[in-house]
Amino acid sequence: MKEYIEKRAITIATYIIENNTTVRQAAKKFGVSKSTVHKDVSERLLMIDPALANMVRKILDVNKSERHIRGGMATKEKYNHIKEST
């Protein structure tokens, strides 16, 4: 694996852990796709640093379990905003 990919995977993982962010937020911060972030922290990081990969996995699992709640809140906010403007 190329060195810059390893560095990117470690940097992204560290960012996710320190800031408790989602894959989407990390992708936006580092200017890469969500797929790249997911592959870096799910697959590549396991080969580089399994302990770090395990820590990131816990955060991603929590994010996944809360995803439907955040989506519902966003929809509610959207419709409240539409209702206020009419």
N, C-alpha and C. Protein backbone atom coordinates (compact mmCIF):
# COMPACT_ATOMS: atom_id res chain seq x y z
N MET A 1 0.85 -1.17 0.00
CA MET A 1 0.00 0.00 0.00
C MET A 1 0.90 1.24 0.00
N LYS A 2 0.48 2.23 -0.73
CA LYS A 2 1.28 3.45 -0.83
C LYS A 2 1.27 4.21 0.50
N GLU A 3 2.37 4.88 0.75
CA GLU A 3 2.54 5.57 2.03
C GLU A 3 1.51 6.67 2.25
N TYR A 4 1.18 7.41 1.19
CA TYR A 4 0.22 8.51 1.37
C TYR A 4 -1.18 7.99 1.71
N ILE A 5 -1.51 6.79 1.23
CA ILE A 5 -2.81 6.21 1.56
C ILE A 5 -2.83 5.80 3.03
N GLU A 6 -1.74 5.23 3.50
CA GLU A 6 -1.64 4.85 4.91
C GLU A 6 -1.75 6.08 5.81
N LYS A 7 -1.04 7.14 5.44
CA LYS A 7 -1.09 8.38 6.23
C LYS A 7 -2.50 8.95 6.24
N ARG A 8 -3.15 8.95 5.07
CA ARG A 8 -4.51 9.47 4.98
C ARG A 8 -5.46 8.67 5.86
N ALA A 9 -5.34 7.35 5.82
CA ALA A 9 -6.22 6.50 6.62
C ALA A 9 -6.05 6.78 8.11
N ILE A 10 -4.80 6.93 8.55
CA ILE A 10 -4.53 7.21 9.96
C ILE A 10 -5.04 8.60 10.34
N THR A 11 -4.81 9.57 9.47
CA THR A 11 -5.25 10.94 9.74
C THR A 11 -6.76 11.02 9.83
N ILE A 12 -7.46 10.39 8.90
CA ILE A 12 -8.92 10.41 8.91
C ILE A 12 -9.46 9.70 10.14
N ALA A 13 -8.87 8.56 10.48
CA ALA A 13 -9.31 7.81 11.65
C ALA A 13 -9.13 8.64 12.92
N THR A 14 -8.00 9.28 13.04
CA THR A 14 -7.73 10.12 14.20
C THR A 14 -8.74 11.27 14.28
N TYR A 15 -9.04 11.87 13.15
CA TYR A 15 -10.02 12.96 13.10
C TYR A 15 -11.39 12.47 13.55
N ILE A 16 -11.81 11.32 13.05
CA ILE A 16 -13.13 10.77 13.42
C ILE A 16 -13.19 10.51 14.92
N ILE A 17 -12.13 9.97 15.47
CA ILE A 17 -12.11 9.65 16.90
C ILE A 17 -12.10 10.92 17.74
N GLU A 18 -11.24 11.87 17.40
CA GLU A 18 -11.12 13.09 18.20
C GLU A 18 -12.37 13.96 18.16
N ASN A 19 -13.03 13.99 17.00
CA ASN A 19 -14.17 14.88 16.83
C ASN A 19 -15.51 14.16 16.82
N ASN A 20 -15.48 12.84 16.93
CA ASN A 20 -16.70 12.02 16.93
C ASN A 20 -17.58 12.36 15.73
N THR A 21 -16.97 12.35 14.56
CA THR A 21 -17.67 12.75 13.34
C THR A 21 -18.20 11.54 12.57
N THR A 22 -19.01 11.84 11.57
CA THR A 22 -19.53 10.81 10.68
C THR A 22 -18.59 10.68 9.48
N VAL A 23 -18.81 9.65 8.71
CA VAL A 23 -18.03 9.43 7.49
C VAL A 23 -18.22 10.62 6.54
N ARG A 24 -19.45 11.09 6.45
CA ARG A 24 -19.75 12.21 5.56
C ARG A 24 -19.00 13.48 5.98
N GLN A 25 -18.96 13.76 7.27
CA GLN A 25 -18.25 14.94 7.77
C GLN A 25 -16.75 14.82 7.52
N ALA A 26 -16.20 13.63 7.73
CA ALA A 26 -14.77 13.41 7.50
C ALA A 26 -14.44 13.56 6.02
N ALA A 27 -15.30 13.04 5.17
CA ALA A 27 -15.07 13.14 3.73
C ALA A 27 -15.04 14.59 3.29
N LYS A 28 -15.95 15.39 3.81
CA LYS A 28 -16.00 16.80 3.46
C LYS A 28 -14.75 17.52 3.95
N LYS A 29 -14.31 17.20 5.16
CA LYS A 29 -13.14 17.84 5.75
C LYS A 29 -11.87 17.56 4.94
N PHE A 30 -11.71 16.32 4.48
CA PHE A 30 -10.48 15.93 3.79
C PHE A 30 -10.59 15.97 2.27
N GLY A 31 -11.75 16.32 1.75
CA GLY A 31 -11.91 16.48 0.31
C GLY A 31 -11.85 15.18 -0.47
N VAL A 32 -12.36 14.10 0.13
CA VAL A 32 -12.42 12.81 -0.54
C VAL A 32 -13.86 12.31 -0.48
N SER A 33 -14.13 11.23 -1.18
CA SER A 33 -15.50 10.71 -1.19
C SER A 33 -15.80 9.91 0.08
N LYS A 34 -17.09 9.72 0.33
CA LYS A 34 -17.50 8.91 1.48
C LYS A 34 -16.98 7.48 1.32
N SER A 35 -16.97 7.00 0.09
CA SER A 35 -16.48 5.64 -0.17
C SER A 35 -15.02 5.50 0.19
N THR A 36 -14.24 6.52 -0.12
CA THR A 36 -12.81 6.50 0.20
C THR A 36 -12.60 6.49 1.70
N VAL A 37 -13.33 7.34 2.42
CA VAL A 37 -13.21 7.38 3.87
C VAL A 37 -13.58 6.03 4.45
N HIS A 38 -14.70 5.49 4.00
CA HIS A 38 -15.16 4.21 4.53
C HIS A 38 -14.15 3.10 4.27
N LYS A 39 -13.63 3.04 3.06
CA LYS A 39 -12.63 2.02 2.73
C LYS A 39 -11.36 2.20 3.55
N ASP A 40 -10.92 3.46 3.71
CA ASP A 40 -9.72 3.74 4.50
C ASP A 40 -9.87 3.26 5.94
N VAL A 41 -10.97 3.61 6.58
CA VAL A 41 -11.10 3.30 8.01
C VAL A 41 -11.64 1.90 8.27
N SER A 42 -12.28 1.28 7.29
CA SER A 42 -12.83 -0.05 7.51
C SER A 42 -11.91 -1.17 7.05
N GLU A 43 -11.27 -1.00 5.91
CA GLU A 43 -10.44 -2.07 5.35
C GLU A 43 -8.95 -1.80 5.50
N ARG A 44 -8.51 -0.67 4.99
CA ARG A 44 -7.07 -0.39 4.97
C ARG A 44 -6.49 -0.23 6.37
N LEU A 45 -7.23 0.41 7.24
CA LEU A 45 -6.74 0.67 8.59
C LEU A 45 -6.55 -0.62 9.38
N LEU A 46 -7.32 -1.64 9.07
CA LEU A 46 -7.15 -2.94 9.74
C LEU A 46 -5.76 -3.52 9.51
N MET A 47 -5.22 -3.29 8.33
CA MET A 47 -3.87 -3.79 8.02
C MET A 47 -2.78 -2.90 8.62
N ILE A 48 -3.09 -1.62 8.78
CA ILE A 48 -2.09 -0.67 9.27
C ILE A 48 -2.03 -0.65 10.79
N ASP A 49 -3.18 -0.44 11.42
CA ASP A 49 -3.26 -0.29 12.88
C ASP A 49 -4.60 -0.86 13.36
N PRO A 50 -4.63 -2.15 13.69
CA PRO A 50 -5.89 -2.78 14.10
C PRO A 50 -6.54 -2.14 15.34
N ALA A 51 -5.74 -1.66 16.28
CA ALA A 51 -6.30 -1.04 17.48
C ALA A 51 -7.04 0.25 17.13
N LEU A 52 -6.44 1.06 16.28
CA LEU A 52 -7.07 2.30 15.83
C LEU A 52 -8.34 1.99 15.03
N ALA A 53 -8.26 0.97 14.20
CA ALA A 53 -9.42 0.55 13.41
C ALA A 53 -10.58 0.15 14.31
N ASN A 54 -10.28 -0.51 15.41
CA ASN A 54 -11.31 -0.95 16.35
C ASN A 54 -11.98 0.26 17.01
N MET A 55 -11.20 1.27 17.36
CA MET A 55 -11.75 2.48 17.98
C MET A 55 -12.66 3.22 17.01
N VAL A 56 -12.25 3.31 15.75
CA VAL A 56 -13.08 3.98 14.73
C VAL A 56 -14.35 3.18 14.48
N ARG A 57 -14.24 1.87 14.45
CA ARG A 57 -15.40 1.00 14.21
C ARG A 57 -16.48 1.25 15.26
N LYS A 58 -16.09 1.45 16.51
CA LYS A 58 -17.07 1.71 17.57
C LYS A 58 -17.84 3.00 17.29
N ILE A 59 -17.14 4.03 16.86
CA ILE A 59 -17.80 5.31 16.55
C ILE A 59 -18.71 5.16 15.34
N LEU A 60 -18.24 4.46 14.32
CA LEU A 60 -19.07 4.27 13.12
C LEU A 60 -20.31 3.44 13.42
N ASP A 61 -20.18 2.47 14.32
CA ASP A 61 -21.35 1.67 14.71
C ASP A 61 -22.38 2.51 15.44
N VAL A 62 -21.93 3.40 16.31
CA VAL A 62 -22.85 4.30 17.01
C VAL A 62 -23.53 5.21 16.00
N ASN A 63 -22.75 5.77 15.07
CA ASN A 63 -23.32 6.64 14.04
C ASN A 63 -24.38 5.91 13.21
N LYS A 64 -24.09 4.67 12.90
CA LYS A 64 -25.04 3.89 12.10
C LYS A 64 -26.32 3.64 12.87
N SER A 65 -26.20 3.37 14.16
CA SER A 65 -27.39 3.11 14.96
C SER A 65 -28.23 4.36 15.17
N GLU A 66 -27.62 5.54 15.08
CA GLU A 66 -28.34 6.79 15.28
C GLU A 66 -28.75 7.45 13.96
N ARG A 67 -28.37 6.87 12.86
CA ARG A 67 -28.60 7.48 11.55
C ARG A 67 -30.08 7.77 11.29
N HIS A 68 -30.95 6.85 11.63
CA HIS A 68 -32.37 7.06 11.36
C HIS A 68 -32.94 8.20 12.20
N ILE A 69 -32.39 8.41 13.36
CA ILE A 69 -32.85 9.51 14.22
C ILE A 69 -32.45 10.85 13.62
N ARG A 70 -31.18 10.96 13.19
CA ARG A 70 -30.72 12.21 12.58
C ARG A 70 -31.50 12.52 11.31
N GLY A 71 -31.81 11.50 10.53
CA GLY A 71 -32.58 11.69 9.30
C GLY A 71 -33.98 12.19 9.60
N GLY A 72 -34.60 11.63 10.61
CA GLY A 72 -35.94 12.06 11.00
C GLY A 72 -35.95 13.50 11.50
N MET A 73 -34.90 13.86 12.25
CA MET A 73 -34.81 15.23 12.75
C MET A 73 -34.62 16.22 11.61
N ALA A 74 -33.82 15.84 10.62
CA ALA A 74 -33.59 16.71 9.47
C ALA A 74 -34.89 16.91 8.68
N THR A 75 -35.65 15.85 8.52
CA THR A 75 -36.92 15.95 7.80
C THR A 75 -37.90 16.84 8.56
N LYS A 76 -37.95 16.66 9.87
CA LYS A 76 -38.84 17.48 10.70
C LYS A 76 -38.47 18.96 10.58
N GLU A 77 -37.18 19.24 10.65
CA GLU A 77 -36.71 20.61 10.53
C GLU A 77 -37.06 21.20 9.16
N LYS A 78 -36.91 20.40 8.13
CA LYS A 78 -37.22 20.84 6.77
C LYS A 78 -38.68 21.26 6.67
N TYR A 79 -39.57 20.42 7.18
CA TYR A 79 -40.99 20.73 7.06
C TYR A 79 -41.42 21.85 8.00
N ASN A 80 -40.77 21.99 9.14
CA ASN A 80 -41.06 23.12 10.02
C ASN A 80 -40.65 24.43 9.35
N HIS A 81 -39.54 24.39 8.64
CA HIS A 81 -39.07 25.59 7.94
C HIS A 81 -40.03 25.96 6.80
N ILE A 82 -40.52 24.97 6.11
CA ILE A 82 -41.48 25.21 5.01
C ILE A 82 -42.77 25.79 5.58
N LYS A 83 -43.21 25.24 6.69
CA LYS A 83 -44.46 25.69 7.30
C LYS A 83 -44.33 27.15 7.77
N GLU A 84 -43.18 27.52 8.31
CA GLU A 84 -42.97 28.89 8.80
C GLU A 84 -42.96 29.91 7.66
N SER A 85 -42.43 29.51 6.50
CA SER A 85 -42.32 30.46 5.39
C SER A 85 -43.64 30.67 4.65
N THR A 86 -44.62 29.84 4.88
CA THR A 86 -45.91 30.00 4.17
C THR A 86 -46.90 30.78 4.97
